[in-house]
PDB file of N, CA and C in Angstrom:
ATOM      1  N   UNK A   1     -18.919  10.729  13.634  1.00  0.00           N
ATOM      2  CA  UNK A   1     -19.909  10.930  12.592  1.00  0.00           C
ATOM      3  C   UNK A   1     -19.520  12.105  11.688  1.00  0.00           C
ATOM      4  N   UNK A   2     -18.961  13.129  12.315  1.00  0.00           N
ATOM      5  CA  UNK A   2     -18.546  14.307  11.555  1.00  0.00           C
ATOM      6  C   UNK A   2     -17.433  13.945  10.563  1.00  0.00           C
ATOM      7  N   UNK A   3     -16.532  13.045  10.982  1.00  0.00           N
ATOM      8  CA  UNK A   3     -15.456  12.613  10.098  1.00  0.00           C
ATOM      9  C   UNK A   3     -15.962  11.865   8.880  1.00  0.00           C
ATOM     10  N   UNK A   4     -17.029  11.069   9.064  1.00  0.00           N
ATOM     11  CA  UNK A   4     -17.611  10.360   7.925  1.00  0.00           C
ATOM     12  C   UNK A   4     -18.249  11.333   6.943  1.00  0.00           C
ATOM     13  N   UNK A   5     -18.852  12.382   7.473  1.00  0.00           N
ATOM     14  CA  UNK A   5     -19.396  13.413   6.577  1.00  0.00           C
ATOM     15  C   UNK A   5     -18.269  14.069   5.782  1.00  0.00           C
ATOM     16  N   UNK A   6     -17.149  14.300   6.444  1.00  0.00           N
ATOM     17  CA  UNK A   6     -16.000  14.883   5.755  1.00  0.00           C
ATOM     18  C   UNK A   6     -15.490  13.986   4.645  1.00  0.00           C
ATOM     19  N   UNK A   7     -15.410  12.675   4.928  1.00  0.00           N
ATOM     20  CA  UNK A   7     -14.989  11.723   3.902  1.00  0.00           C
ATOM     21  C   UNK A   7     -15.985  11.701   2.751  1.00  0.00           C
ATOM     22  N   UNK A   8     -17.272  11.793   3.093  1.00  0.00           N
ATOM     23  CA  UNK A   8     -18.297  11.840   2.046  1.00  0.00           C
ATOM     24  C   UNK A   8     -18.122  13.080   1.173  1.00  0.00           C
ATOM     25  N   UNK A   9     -17.835  14.232   1.801  1.00  0.00           N
ATOM     26  CA  UNK A   9     -17.597  15.450   1.017  1.00  0.00           C
ATOM     27  C   UNK A   9     -16.399  15.281   0.092  1.00  0.00           C
ATOM     28  N   UNK A  10     -15.318  14.680   0.608  1.00  0.00           N
ATOM     29  CA  UNK A  10     -14.138  14.462  -0.232  1.00  0.00           C
ATOM     30  C   UNK A  10     -14.482  13.599  -1.441  1.00  0.00           C
ATOM     31  N   UNK A  11     -15.232  12.540  -1.204  1.00  0.00           N
ATOM     32  CA  UNK A  11     -15.600  11.650  -2.307  1.00  0.00           C
ATOM     33  C   UNK A  11     -16.569  12.317  -3.281  1.00  0.00           C
ATOM     34  N   UNK A  12     -17.475  13.145  -2.762  1.00  0.00           N
ATOM     35  CA  UNK A  12     -18.412  13.863  -3.637  1.00  0.00           C
ATOM     36  C   UNK A  12     -17.656  14.815  -4.550  1.00  0.00           C
ATOM     37  N   UNK A  13     -16.725  15.587  -3.976  1.00  0.00           N
ATOM     38  CA  UNK A  13     -15.970  16.534  -4.801  1.00  0.00           C
ATOM     39  C   UNK A  13     -15.124  15.808  -5.838  1.00  0.00           C
ATOM     40  N   UNK A  14     -14.503  14.692  -5.453  1.00  0.00           N
ATOM     41  CA  UNK A  14     -13.709  13.951  -6.417  1.00  0.00           C
ATOM     42  C   UNK A  14     -14.604  13.383  -7.522  1.00  0.00           C
ATOM     43  N   UNK A  15     -15.762  12.869  -7.164  1.00  0.00           N
ATOM     44  CA  UNK A  15     -16.676  12.299  -8.157  1.00  0.00           C
ATOM     45  C   UNK A  15     -17.208  13.359  -9.115  1.00  0.00           C
ATOM     46  N   UNK A  16     -17.574  14.519  -8.578  1.00  0.00           N
ATOM     47  CA  UNK A  16     -18.064  15.603  -9.439  1.00  0.00           C
ATOM     48  C   UNK A  16     -16.945  16.072 -10.373  1.00  0.00           C
ATOM     49  N   UNK A  17     -15.740  16.177  -9.847  1.00  0.00           N
ATOM     50  CA  UNK A  17     -14.603  16.551 -10.694  1.00  0.00           C
ATOM     51  C   UNK A  17     -14.369  15.540 -11.801  1.00  0.00           C
ATOM     52  N   UNK A  18     -14.498  14.262 -11.457  1.00  0.00           N
ATOM     53  CA  UNK A  18     -14.328  13.207 -12.461  1.00  0.00           C
ATOM     54  C   UNK A  18     -15.427  13.271 -13.516  1.00  0.00           C
ATOM     55  N   UNK A  19     -16.650  13.491 -13.079  1.00  0.00           N
ATOM     56  CA  UNK A  19     -17.764  13.618 -14.027  1.00  0.00           C
ATOM     57  C   UNK A  19     -17.564  14.801 -14.969  1.00  0.00           C
ATOM     58  N   UNK A  20     -17.147  15.928 -14.412  1.00  0.00           N
ATOM     59  CA  UNK A  20     -16.901  17.110 -15.253  1.00  0.00           C
ATOM     60  C   UNK A  20     -15.767  16.862 -16.237  1.00  0.00           C
ATOM     61  N   UNK A  21     -14.694  16.262 -15.745  1.00  0.00           N
ATOM     62  CA  UNK A  21     -13.530  16.021 -16.586  1.00  0.00           C
ATOM     63  C   UNK A  21     -13.863  15.094 -17.753  1.00  0.00           C
ATOM     64  N   UNK A  22     -14.539  14.012 -17.447  1.00  0.00           N
ATOM     65  CA  UNK A  22     -14.861  13.043 -18.503  1.00  0.00           C
ATOM     66  C   UNK A  22     -16.027  13.517 -19.362  1.00  0.00           C
ATOM     67  N   UNK A  23     -17.038  14.108 -18.730  1.00  0.00           N
ATOM     68  CA  UNK A  23     -18.223  14.540 -19.459  1.00  0.00           C
ATOM     69  C   UNK A  23     -17.960  15.672 -20.422  1.00  0.00           C
ATOM     70  N   UNK A  24     -17.088  16.597 -20.031  1.00  0.00           N
ATOM     71  CA  UNK A  24     -16.780  17.742 -20.883  1.00  0.00           C
ATOM     72  C   UNK A  24     -15.484  17.561 -21.661  1.00  0.00           C
ATOM     73  N   UNK A  25     -14.848  16.387 -21.528  1.00  0.00           N
ATOM     74  CA  UNK A  25     -13.564  16.082 -22.188  1.00  0.00           C
ATOM     75  C   UNK A  25     -12.518  17.154 -21.904  1.00  0.00           C
ATOM     76  N   UNK A  26     -12.394  17.513 -20.635  1.00  0.00           N
ATOM     77  CA  UNK A  26     -11.425  18.531 -20.232  1.00  0.00           C
ATOM     78  C   UNK A  26     -10.033  17.926 -20.122  1.00  0.00           C
ATOM     79  N   UNK A  27      -8.991  18.732 -20.344  1.00  0.00           N
ATOM     80  CA  UNK A  27      -7.632  18.193 -20.275  1.00  0.00           C
ATOM     81  C   UNK A  27      -7.122  18.012 -18.841  1.00  0.00           C
ATOM     82  N   UNK A  28      -7.896  18.438 -17.850  1.00  0.00           N
ATOM     83  CA  UNK A  28      -7.480  18.282 -16.450  1.00  0.00           C
ATOM     84  C   UNK A  28      -8.033  16.983 -15.874  1.00  0.00           C
ATOM     85  N   UNK A  29      -7.262  16.330 -14.998  1.00  0.00           N
ATOM     86  CA  UNK A  29      -7.777  15.120 -14.351  1.00  0.00           C
ATOM     87  C   UNK A  29      -8.937  15.450 -13.408  1.00  0.00           C
ATOM     88  N   UNK A  30      -9.828  14.489 -13.240  1.00  0.00           N
ATOM     89  CA  UNK A  30     -10.990  14.681 -12.377  1.00  0.00           C
ATOM     90  C   UNK A  30     -10.647  15.046 -10.943  1.00  0.00           C
ATOM     91  N   UNK A  31      -9.667  14.369 -10.310  1.00  0.00           N
ATOM     92  CA  UNK A  31      -9.333  14.729  -8.934  1.00  0.00           C
ATOM     93  C   UNK A  31      -8.831  16.175  -8.787  1.00  0.00           C
ATOM     94  N   UNK A  32      -8.153  16.685  -9.821  1.00  0.00           N
ATOM     95  CA  UNK A  32      -7.694  18.079  -9.760  1.00  0.00           C
ATOM     96  C   UNK A  32      -8.894  19.022  -9.792  1.00  0.00           C
ATOM     97  N   UNK A  33      -9.841  18.749 -10.669  1.00  0.00           N
ATOM     98  CA  UNK A  33     -11.061  19.567 -10.698  1.00  0.00           C
ATOM     99  C   UNK A  33     -11.819  19.445  -9.381  1.00  0.00           C
ATOM    100  N   UNK A  34     -11.841  18.238  -8.820  1.00  0.00           N
ATOM    101  CA  UNK A  34     -12.487  18.041  -7.534  1.00  0.00           C
ATOM    102  C   UNK A  34     -11.836  18.855  -6.439  1.00  0.00           C
ATOM    103  N   UNK A  35     -10.508  18.957  -6.452  1.00  0.00           N
ATOM    104  CA  UNK A  35      -9.803  19.781  -5.454  1.00  0.00           C
ATOM    105  C   UNK A  35     -10.140  21.256  -5.612  1.00  0.00           C
ATOM    106  N   UNK A  36     -10.248  21.704  -6.848  1.00  0.00           N
ATOM    107  CA  UNK A  36     -10.621  23.103  -7.087  1.00  0.00           C
ATOM    108  C   UNK A  36     -12.037  23.364  -6.572  1.00  0.00           C
ATOM    109  N   UNK A  37     -12.938  22.429  -6.840  1.00  0.00           N
ATOM    110  CA  UNK A  37     -14.305  22.570  -6.330  1.00  0.00           C
ATOM    111  C   UNK A  37     -14.327  22.535  -4.809  1.00  0.00           C
ATOM    112  N   UNK A  38     -13.507  21.676  -4.216  1.00  0.00           N
ATOM    113  CA  UNK A  38     -13.452  21.606  -2.757  1.00  0.00           C
ATOM    114  C   UNK A  38     -12.897  22.897  -2.169  1.00  0.00           C
ATOM    115  N   UNK A  39     -11.937  23.490  -2.855  1.00  0.00           N
ATOM    116  CA  UNK A  39     -11.392  24.764  -2.388  1.00  0.00           C
ATOM    117  C   UNK A  39     -12.494  25.808  -2.295  1.00  0.00           C
ATOM    118  N   UNK A  40     -13.376  25.820  -3.273  1.00  0.00           N
ATOM    119  CA  UNK A  40     -14.518  26.733  -3.235  1.00  0.00           C
ATOM    120  C   UNK A  40     -15.472  26.317  -2.112  1.00  0.00           C
ATOM    121  N   UNK A  41     -15.708  25.019  -1.978  1.00  0.00           N
ATOM    122  CA  UNK A  41     -16.623  24.527  -0.962  1.00  0.00           C
ATOM    123  C   UNK A  41     -16.144  24.759   0.463  1.00  0.00           C
ATOM    124  N   UNK A  42     -14.837  24.863   0.656  1.00  0.00           N
ATOM    125  CA  UNK A  42     -14.302  25.063   2.008  1.00  0.00           C
ATOM    126  C   UNK A  42     -14.617  26.446   2.578  1.00  0.00           C
ATOM    127  N   UNK A  43     -15.180  27.310   1.774  1.00  0.00           N
ATOM    128  CA  UNK A  43     -15.605  28.619   2.273  1.00  0.00           C
ATOM    129  C   UNK A  43     -16.833  28.502   3.181  1.00  0.00           C
ATOM    130  N   UNK A  44     -17.533  27.374   3.094  1.00  0.00           N
ATOM    131  CA  UNK A  44     -18.763  27.176   3.855  1.00  0.00           C
ATOM    132  C   UNK A  44     -18.515  26.223   5.019  1.00  0.00           C
ATOM    133  N   UNK A  45     -19.034  26.588   6.180  1.00  0.00           N
ATOM    134  CA  UNK A  45     -18.822  25.784   7.383  1.00  0.00           C
ATOM    135  C   UNK A  45     -19.420  24.389   7.248  1.00  0.00           C
ATOM    136  N   UNK A  46     -20.480  24.260   6.472  1.00  0.00           N
ATOM    137  CA  UNK A  46     -21.124  22.967   6.263  1.00  0.00           C
ATOM    138  C   UNK A  46     -20.142  21.961   5.658  1.00  0.00           C
ATOM    139  N   UNK A  47     -19.219  22.436   4.853  1.00  0.00           N
ATOM    140  CA  UNK A  47     -18.208  21.579   4.232  1.00  0.00           C
ATOM    141  C   UNK A  47     -16.922  21.609   5.042  1.00  0.00           C
ATOM    142  N   UNK A  48     -16.503  22.798   5.476  1.00  0.00           N
ATOM    143  CA  UNK A  48     -15.205  22.987   6.115  1.00  0.00           C
ATOM    144  C   UNK A  48     -15.037  22.165   7.390  1.00  0.00           C
ATOM    145  N   UNK A  49     -16.013  22.175   8.281  1.00  0.00           N
ATOM    146  CA  UNK A  49     -15.854  21.513   9.575  1.00  0.00           C
ATOM    147  C   UNK A  49     -15.726  19.991   9.459  1.00  0.00           C
ATOM    148  N   UNK A  50     -16.614  19.323   8.690  1.00  0.00           N
ATOM    149  CA  UNK A  50     -16.430  17.871   8.561  1.00  0.00           C
ATOM    150  C   UNK A  50     -15.145  17.488   7.829  1.00  0.00           C
ATOM    151  N   UNK A  51     -14.784  18.260   6.807  1.00  0.00           N
ATOM    152  CA  UNK A  51     -13.560  17.953   6.061  1.00  0.00           C
ATOM    153  C   UNK A  51     -12.337  18.156   6.949  1.00  0.00           C
ATOM    154  N   UNK A  52     -12.362  19.164   7.814  1.00  0.00           N
ATOM    155  CA  UNK A  52     -11.240  19.399   8.726  1.00  0.00           C
ATOM    156  C   UNK A  52     -11.071  18.222   9.684  1.00  0.00           C
ATOM    157  N   UNK A  53     -12.164  17.690  10.191  1.00  0.00           N
ATOM    158  CA  UNK A  53     -12.064  16.547  11.099  1.00  0.00           C
ATOM    159  C   UNK A  53     -11.553  15.311  10.372  1.00  0.00           C
ATOM    160  N   UNK A  54     -12.050  15.081   9.174  1.00  0.00           N
ATOM    161  CA  UNK A  54     -11.593  13.939   8.374  1.00  0.00           C
ATOM    162  C   UNK A  54     -10.114  14.086   8.028  1.00  0.00           C
ATOM    163  N   UNK A  55      -9.699  15.300   7.664  1.00  0.00           N
ATOM    164  CA  UNK A  55      -8.295  15.536   7.317  1.00  0.00           C
ATOM    165  C   UNK A  55      -7.395  15.308   8.524  1.00  0.00           C
ATOM    166  N   UNK A  56      -7.839  15.730   9.703  1.00  0.00           N
ATOM    167  CA  UNK A  56      -7.056  15.491  10.915  1.00  0.00           C
ATOM    168  C   UNK A  56      -6.876  14.010  11.176  1.00  0.00           C
ATOM    169  N   UNK A  57      -7.945  13.246  11.007  1.00  0.00           N
ATOM    170  CA  UNK A  57      -7.862  11.792  11.194  1.00  0.00           C
ATOM    171  C   UNK A  57      -6.897  11.175  10.194  1.00  0.00           C
ATOM    172  N   UNK A  58      -7.028  11.562   8.921  1.00  0.00           N
ATOM    173  CA  UNK A  58      -6.150  11.000   7.887  1.00  0.00           C
ATOM    174  C   UNK A  58      -4.691  11.357   8.132  1.00  0.00           C
ATOM    175  N   UNK A  59      -4.436  12.565   8.606  1.00  0.00           N
ATOM    176  CA  UNK A  59      -3.056  12.970   8.869  1.00  0.00           C
ATOM    177  C   UNK A  59      -2.437  12.207  10.031  1.00  0.00           C
ATOM    178  N   UNK A  60      -3.251  11.862  11.036  1.00  0.00           N
ATOM    179  CA  UNK A  60      -2.699  11.104  12.163  1.00  0.00           C
ATOM    180  C   UNK A  60      -2.307   9.690  11.747  1.00  0.00           C
ATOM    181  N   UNK A  61      -2.935   9.159  10.695  1.00  0.00           N
ATOM    182  CA  UNK A  61      -2.642   7.807  10.236  1.00  0.00           C
ATOM    183  C   UNK A  61      -1.922   7.807   8.888  1.00  0.00           C
ATOM    184  N   UNK A  62      -1.268   8.895   8.570  1.00  0.00           N
ATOM    185  CA  UNK A  62      -0.593   9.028   7.276  1.00  0.00           C
ATOM    186  C   UNK A  62       0.504   7.987   7.084  1.00  0.00           C
ATOM    187  N   UNK A  63       1.164   7.607   8.154  1.00  0.00           N
ATOM    188  CA  UNK A  63       2.269   6.649   8.023  1.00  0.00           C
ATOM    189  C   UNK A  63       1.793   5.301   7.500  1.00  0.00           C
ATOM    190  N   UNK A  64       0.533   4.950   7.736  1.00  0.00           N
ATOM    191  CA  UNK A  64       0.007   3.681   7.218  1.00  0.00           C
ATOM    192  C   UNK A  64      -0.024   3.660   5.696  1.00  0.00           C
ATOM    193  N   UNK A  65      -0.119   4.825   5.084  1.00  0.00           N
ATOM    194  CA  UNK A  65      -0.175   4.878   3.626  1.00  0.00           C
ATOM    195  C   UNK A  65       1.165   4.546   2.977  1.00  0.00           C
ATOM    196  N   UNK A  66       2.245   4.564   3.768  1.00  0.00           N
ATOM    197  CA  UNK A  66       3.555   4.238   3.230  1.00  0.00           C
ATOM    198  C   UNK A  66       3.851   2.742   3.275  1.00  0.00           C
ATOM    199  N   UNK A  67       3.026   1.959   3.954  1.00  0.00           N
ATOM    200  CA  UNK A  67       3.240   0.521   4.036  1.00  0.00           C
ATOM    201  C   UNK A  67       3.179  -0.134   2.659  1.00  0.00           C
ATOM    202  N   UNK A  68       2.164   0.148   1.816  1.00  0.00           N
ATOM    203  CA  UNK A  68       2.161  -0.487   0.488  1.00  0.00           C
ATOM    204  C   UNK A  68       3.383  -0.124  -0.355  1.00  0.00           C
ATOM    205  N   UNK A  69       3.869   1.084  -0.214  1.00  0.00           N
ATOM    206  CA  UNK A  69       5.062   1.488  -0.964  1.00  0.00           C
ATOM    207  C   UNK A  69       6.266   0.674  -0.503  1.00  0.00           C
ATOM    208  N   UNK A  70       6.407   0.514   0.793  1.00  0.00           N
ATOM    209  CA  UNK A  70       7.514  -0.288   1.327  1.00  0.00           C
ATOM    210  C   UNK A  70       7.438  -1.733   0.875  1.00  0.00           C
ATOM    211  N   UNK A  71       6.240  -2.294   0.859  1.00  0.00           N
ATOM    212  CA  UNK A  71       6.065  -3.673   0.395  1.00  0.00           C
ATOM    213  C   UNK A  71       6.406  -3.763  -1.087  1.00  0.00           C
ATOM    214  N   UNK A  72       5.995  -2.765  -1.875  1.00  0.00           N
ATOM    215  CA  UNK A  72       6.317  -2.761  -3.295  1.00  0.00           C
ATOM    216  C   UNK A  72       7.811  -2.696  -3.546  1.00  0.00           C
ATOM    217  N   UNK A  73       8.510  -1.896  -2.764  1.00  0.00           N
ATOM    218  CA  UNK A  73       9.968  -1.802  -2.913  1.00  0.00           C
ATOM    219  C   UNK A  73      10.612  -3.139  -2.571  1.00  0.00           C
ATOM    220  N   UNK A  74      10.158  -3.759  -1.490  1.00  0.00           N
ATOM    221  CA  UNK A  74      10.730  -5.052  -1.110  1.00  0.00           C
ATOM    222  C   UNK A  74      10.418  -6.135  -2.146  1.00  0.00           C
ATOM    223  N   UNK A  75       9.248  -6.068  -2.752  1.00  0.00           N
ATOM    224  CA  UNK A  75       8.861  -7.060  -3.755  1.00  0.00           C
ATOM    225  C   UNK A  75       9.719  -6.937  -5.011  1.00  0.00           C
ATOM    226  N   UNK A  76      10.043  -5.721  -5.385  1.00  0.00           N
ATOM    227  CA  UNK A  76      10.802  -5.480  -6.615  1.00  0.00           C
ATOM    228  C   UNK A  76      12.236  -5.055  -6.317  1.00  0.00           C
ATOM    229  N   UNK A  77      12.812  -5.634  -5.291  1.00  0.00           N
ATOM    230  CA  UNK A  77      14.173  -5.272  -4.889  1.00  0.00           C
ATOM    231  C   UNK A  77      15.195  -5.590  -5.986  1.00  0.00           C
ATOM    232  N   UNK A  78      14.962  -6.645  -6.737  1.00  0.00           N
ATOM    233  CA  UNK A  78      15.891  -6.995  -7.827  1.00  0.00           C
ATOM    234  C   UNK A  78      15.916  -5.892  -8.881  1.00  0.00           C
ATOM    235  N   UNK A  79      14.742  -5.363  -9.225  1.00  0.00           N
ATOM    236  CA  UNK A  79      14.697  -4.256 -10.188  1.00  0.00           C
ATOM    237  C   UNK A  79      15.381  -3.022  -9.630  1.00  0.00           C
ATOM    238  N   UNK A  80      15.199  -2.797  -8.343  1.00  0.00           N
ATOM    239  CA  UNK A  80      15.814  -1.628  -7.715  1.00  0.00           C
ATOM    240  C   UNK A  80      17.336  -1.732  -7.711  1.00  0.00           C
ATOM    241  N   UNK A  81      17.851  -2.931  -7.480  1.00  0.00           N
ATOM    242  CA  UNK A  81      19.307  -3.076  -7.518  1.00  0.00           C
ATOM    243  C   UNK A  81      19.835  -2.936  -8.941  1.00  0.00           C
ATOM    244  N   UNK A  82      19.042  -3.354  -9.915  1.00  0.00           N
ATOM    245  CA  UNK A  82      19.481  -3.274 -11.308  1.00  0.00           C
ATOM    246  C   UNK A  82      19.404  -1.844 -11.846  1.00  0.00           C
ATOM    247  N   UNK A  83      18.305  -1.141 -11.545  1.00  0.00           N
ATOM    248  CA  UNK A  83      18.079   0.187 -12.119  1.00  0.00           C
ATOM    249  C   UNK A  83      18.111   1.307 -11.073  1.00  0.00           C
ATOM    250  N   UNK A  84      18.499   0.996  -9.853  1.00  0.00           N
ATOM    251  CA  UNK A  84      18.436   1.960  -8.754  1.00  0.00           C
ATOM    252  C   UNK A  84      19.202   3.245  -9.015  1.00  0.00           C
ATOM    253  N   UNK A  85      20.420   3.127  -9.520  1.00  0.00           N
ATOM    254  CA  UNK A  85      21.229   4.326  -9.765  1.00  0.00           C
ATOM    255  C   UNK A  85      20.594   5.196 -10.845  1.00  0.00           C
ATOM    256  N   UNK A  86      20.086   4.571 -11.891  1.00  0.00           N
ATOM    257  CA  UNK A  86      19.420   5.331 -12.960  1.00  0.00           C
ATOM    258  C   UNK A  86      18.174   6.040 -12.427  1.00  0.00           C
ATOM    259  N   UNK A  87      17.406   5.325 -11.614  1.00  0.00           N
ATOM    260  CA  UNK A  87      16.203   5.924 -11.038  1.00  0.00           C
ATOM    261  C   UNK A  87      16.577   7.109 -10.159  1.00  0.00           C
ATOM    262  N   UNK A  88      17.607   6.937  -9.351  1.00  0.00           N
ATOM    263  CA  UNK A  88      18.057   8.023  -8.474  1.00  0.00           C
ATOM    264  C   UNK A  88      18.504   9.240  -9.275  1.00  0.00           C
ATOM    265  N   UNK A  89      19.223   9.015 -10.356  1.00  0.00           N
ATOM    266  CA  UNK A  89      19.681  10.124 -11.206  1.00  0.00           C
ATOM    267  C   UNK A  89      18.492  10.839 -11.847  1.00  0.00           C
ATOM    268  N   UNK A  90      17.537  10.076 -12.357  1.00  0.00           N
ATOM    269  CA  UNK A  90      16.364  10.677 -12.994  1.00  0.00           C
ATOM    270  C   UNK A  90      15.549  11.481 -11.979  1.00  0.00           C
ATOM    271  N   UNK A  91      15.371  10.946 -10.781  1.00  0.00           N
ATOM    272  CA  UNK A  91      14.625  11.670  -9.750  1.00  0.00           C
ATOM    273  C   UNK A  91      15.342  12.957  -9.368  1.00  0.00           C
ATOM    274  N   UNK A  92      16.659  12.882  -9.181  1.00  0.00           N
ATOM    275  CA  UNK A  92      17.418  14.074  -8.806  1.00  0.00           C
ATOM    276  C   UNK A  92      17.375  15.129  -9.914  1.00  0.00           C
ATOM    277  N   UNK A  93      17.586  14.706 -11.158  1.00  0.00           N
ATOM    278  CA  UNK A  93      17.563  15.659 -12.276  1.00  0.00           C
ATOM    279  C   UNK A  93      16.186  16.291 -12.452  1.00  0.00           C
ATOM    280  N   UNK A  94      15.151  15.486 -12.385  1.00  0.00           N
ATOM    281  CA  UNK A  94      13.810  16.050 -12.574  1.00  0.00           C
ATOM    282  C   UNK A  94      13.446  17.000 -11.435  1.00  0.00           C
ATOM    283  N   UNK A  95      13.903  16.704 -10.239  1.00  0.00           N
ATOM    284  CA  UNK A  95      13.656  17.615  -9.116  1.00  0.00           C
ATOM    285  C   UNK A  95      14.373  18.941  -9.337  1.00  0.00           C
ATOM    286  N   UNK A  96      15.637  18.877  -9.748  1.00  0.00           N
ATOM    287  CA  UNK A  96      16.391  20.107  -9.985  1.00  0.00           C
ATOM    288  C   UNK A  96      15.810  20.908 -11.153  1.00  0.00           C
ATOM    289  N   UNK A  97      15.379  20.222 -12.183  1.00  0.00           N
ATOM    290  CA  UNK A  97      14.764  20.921 -13.324  1.00  0.00           C
ATOM    291  C   UNK A  97      13.470  21.596 -12.891  1.00  0.00           C
ATOM    292  N   UNK A  98      12.664  20.894 -12.107  1.00  0.00           N
ATOM    293  CA  UNK A  98      11.425  21.487 -11.598  1.00  0.00           C
ATOM    294  C   UNK A  98      11.681  22.709 -10.732  1.00  0.00           C
ATOM    295  N   UNK A  99      12.679  22.613  -9.872  1.00  0.00           N
ATOM    296  CA  UNK A  99      13.040  23.767  -9.032  1.00  0.00           C
ATOM    297  C   UNK A  99      13.533  24.935  -9.876  1.00  0.00           C
ATOM    298  N   UNK A 100      14.348  24.642 -10.887  1.00  0.00           N
ATOM    299  CA  UNK A 100      14.879  25.705 -11.739  1.00  0.00           C
ATOM    300  C   UNK A 100      13.772  26.386 -12.528  1.00  0.00           C
ATOM    301  N   UNK A 101      12.846  25.608 -13.082  1.00  0.00           N
ATOM    302  CA  UNK A 101      11.740  26.197 -13.834  1.00  0.00           C
ATOM    303  C   UNK A 101      10.870  27.049 -12.920  1.00  0.00           C
ATOM    304  N   UNK A 102      10.602  26.555 -11.717  1.00  0.00           N
ATOM    305  CA  UNK A 102       9.809  27.335 -10.766  1.00  0.00           C
ATOM    306  C   UNK A 102      10.506  28.643 -10.415  1.00  0.00           C
ATOM    307  N   UNK A 103      11.807  28.581 -10.175  1.00  0.00           N
ATOM    308  CA  UNK A 103      12.561  29.793  -9.840  1.00  0.00           C
ATOM    309  C   UNK A 103      12.549  30.778 -11.006  1.00  0.00           C
ATOM    310  N   UNK A 104      12.719  30.293 -12.224  1.00  0.00           N
ATOM    311  CA  UNK A 104      12.711  31.181 -13.387  1.00  0.00           C
ATOM    312  C   UNK A 104      11.346  31.817 -13.604  1.00  0.00           C
ATOM    313  N   UNK A 105      10.289  31.050 -13.394  1.00  0.00           N
ATOM    314  CA  UNK A 105       8.939  31.607 -13.543  1.00  0.00           C
ATOM    315  C   UNK A 105       8.696  32.672 -12.477  1.00  0.00           C
ATOM    316  N   UNK A 106       9.062  32.383 -11.244  1.00  0.00           N
ATOM    317  CA  UNK A 106       8.877  33.374 -10.181  1.00  0.00           C
ATOM    318  C   UNK A 106       9.734  34.612 -10.416  1.00  0.00           C
ATOM    319  N   UNK A 107      10.923  34.409 -10.922  1.00  0.00           N
ATOM    320  CA  UNK A 107      11.794  35.544 -11.205  1.00  0.00           C
ATOM    321  C   UNK A 107      11.226  36.394 -12.340  1.00  0.00           C
ATOM    322  N   UNK A 108      10.565  35.754 -13.304  1.00  0.00           N
ATOM    323  CA  UNK A 108      10.025  36.469 -14.456  1.00  0.00           C
ATOM    324  C   UNK A 108       8.705  37.151 -14.198  1.00  0.00           C
ATOM    325  N   UNK A 109       8.026  36.818 -13.111  1.00  0.00           N
ATOM    326  CA  UNK A 109       6.750  37.461 -12.818  1.00  0.00           C
ATOM    327  C   UNK A 109       6.960  38.933 -12.469  1.00  0.00           C
ATOM    328  N   UNK A 110       6.046  39.791 -12.890  1.00  0.00           N
ATOM    329  CA  UNK A 110       6.191  41.196 -12.527  1.00  0.00           C
ATOM    330  C   UNK A 110       6.012  41.377 -11.015  1.00  0.00           C
ATOM    331  N   UNK A 111       6.799  42.272 -10.474  1.00  0.00           N
ATOM    332  CA  UNK A 111       6.751  42.512  -9.023  1.00  0.00           C
ATOM    333  C   UNK A 111       5.823  43.675  -8.739  1.00  0.00           C
ATOM    334  N   UNK A 112       5.008  43.510  -7.708  1.00  0.00           N
ATOM    335  CA  UNK A 112       4.112  44.585  -7.289  1.00  0.00           C
ATOM    336  C   UNK A 112       4.746  45.321  -6.115  1.00  0.00           C
ATOM    337  N   UNK A 113       4.585  46.617  -6.147  1.00  0.00           N
ATOM    338  CA  UNK A 113       5.095  47.411  -5.035  1.00  0.00           C
ATOM    339  C   UNK A 113       4.194  47.200  -3.827  1.00  0.00           C
ATOM    340  N   UNK A 114       4.760  47.049  -2.617  1.00  0.00           N
ATOM    341  CA  UNK A 114       3.935  46.855  -1.425  1.00  0.00           C
ATOM    342  C   UNK A 114       3.087  48.104  -1.144  1.00  0.00           C
ATOM    343  N   UNK A 115       1.898  47.839  -0.656  1.00  0.00           N
ATOM    344  CA  UNK A 115       1.054  48.958  -0.246  1.00  0.00           C
ATOM    345  C   UNK A 115       0.052  49.235  -1.229  1.00  0.00           C
TER     346      UNK A 115
END
C-alpha cells in the first residue's frame, strides 16, 4: 500500500509540473518541474517514505523497461544496419562534446577555499 502512495506522489508531482509548465508557458518541460517539486517534497517524511518504497520496487524491475527498446531495435534492424555506423559516430561525438563542455564549465567555476 505504501508503494502505491509513492507512485501516486510521483504522478502528482509530474502532473503539477506539467500544469505549471503549460499553464505559465514556461520553457522547462513539465516532468523536469515535477522533479524539482519532488525534490522539495522529499524533505517531508509523508512524501519521502512512500516514494522510497516505490523507487525500490521500480529499481528491482528496471530491466523490464529495456524490453521495449530491444523489441524496437529488432523491429528496425534494417535501419540499424543501414545507418548504424552513422548513429554510433553521432552518439560518440555528442557524448564527448557533452563531457568536454561539462569539464570546461567545471574548470571555469570559481574555486572556494575549504573551511
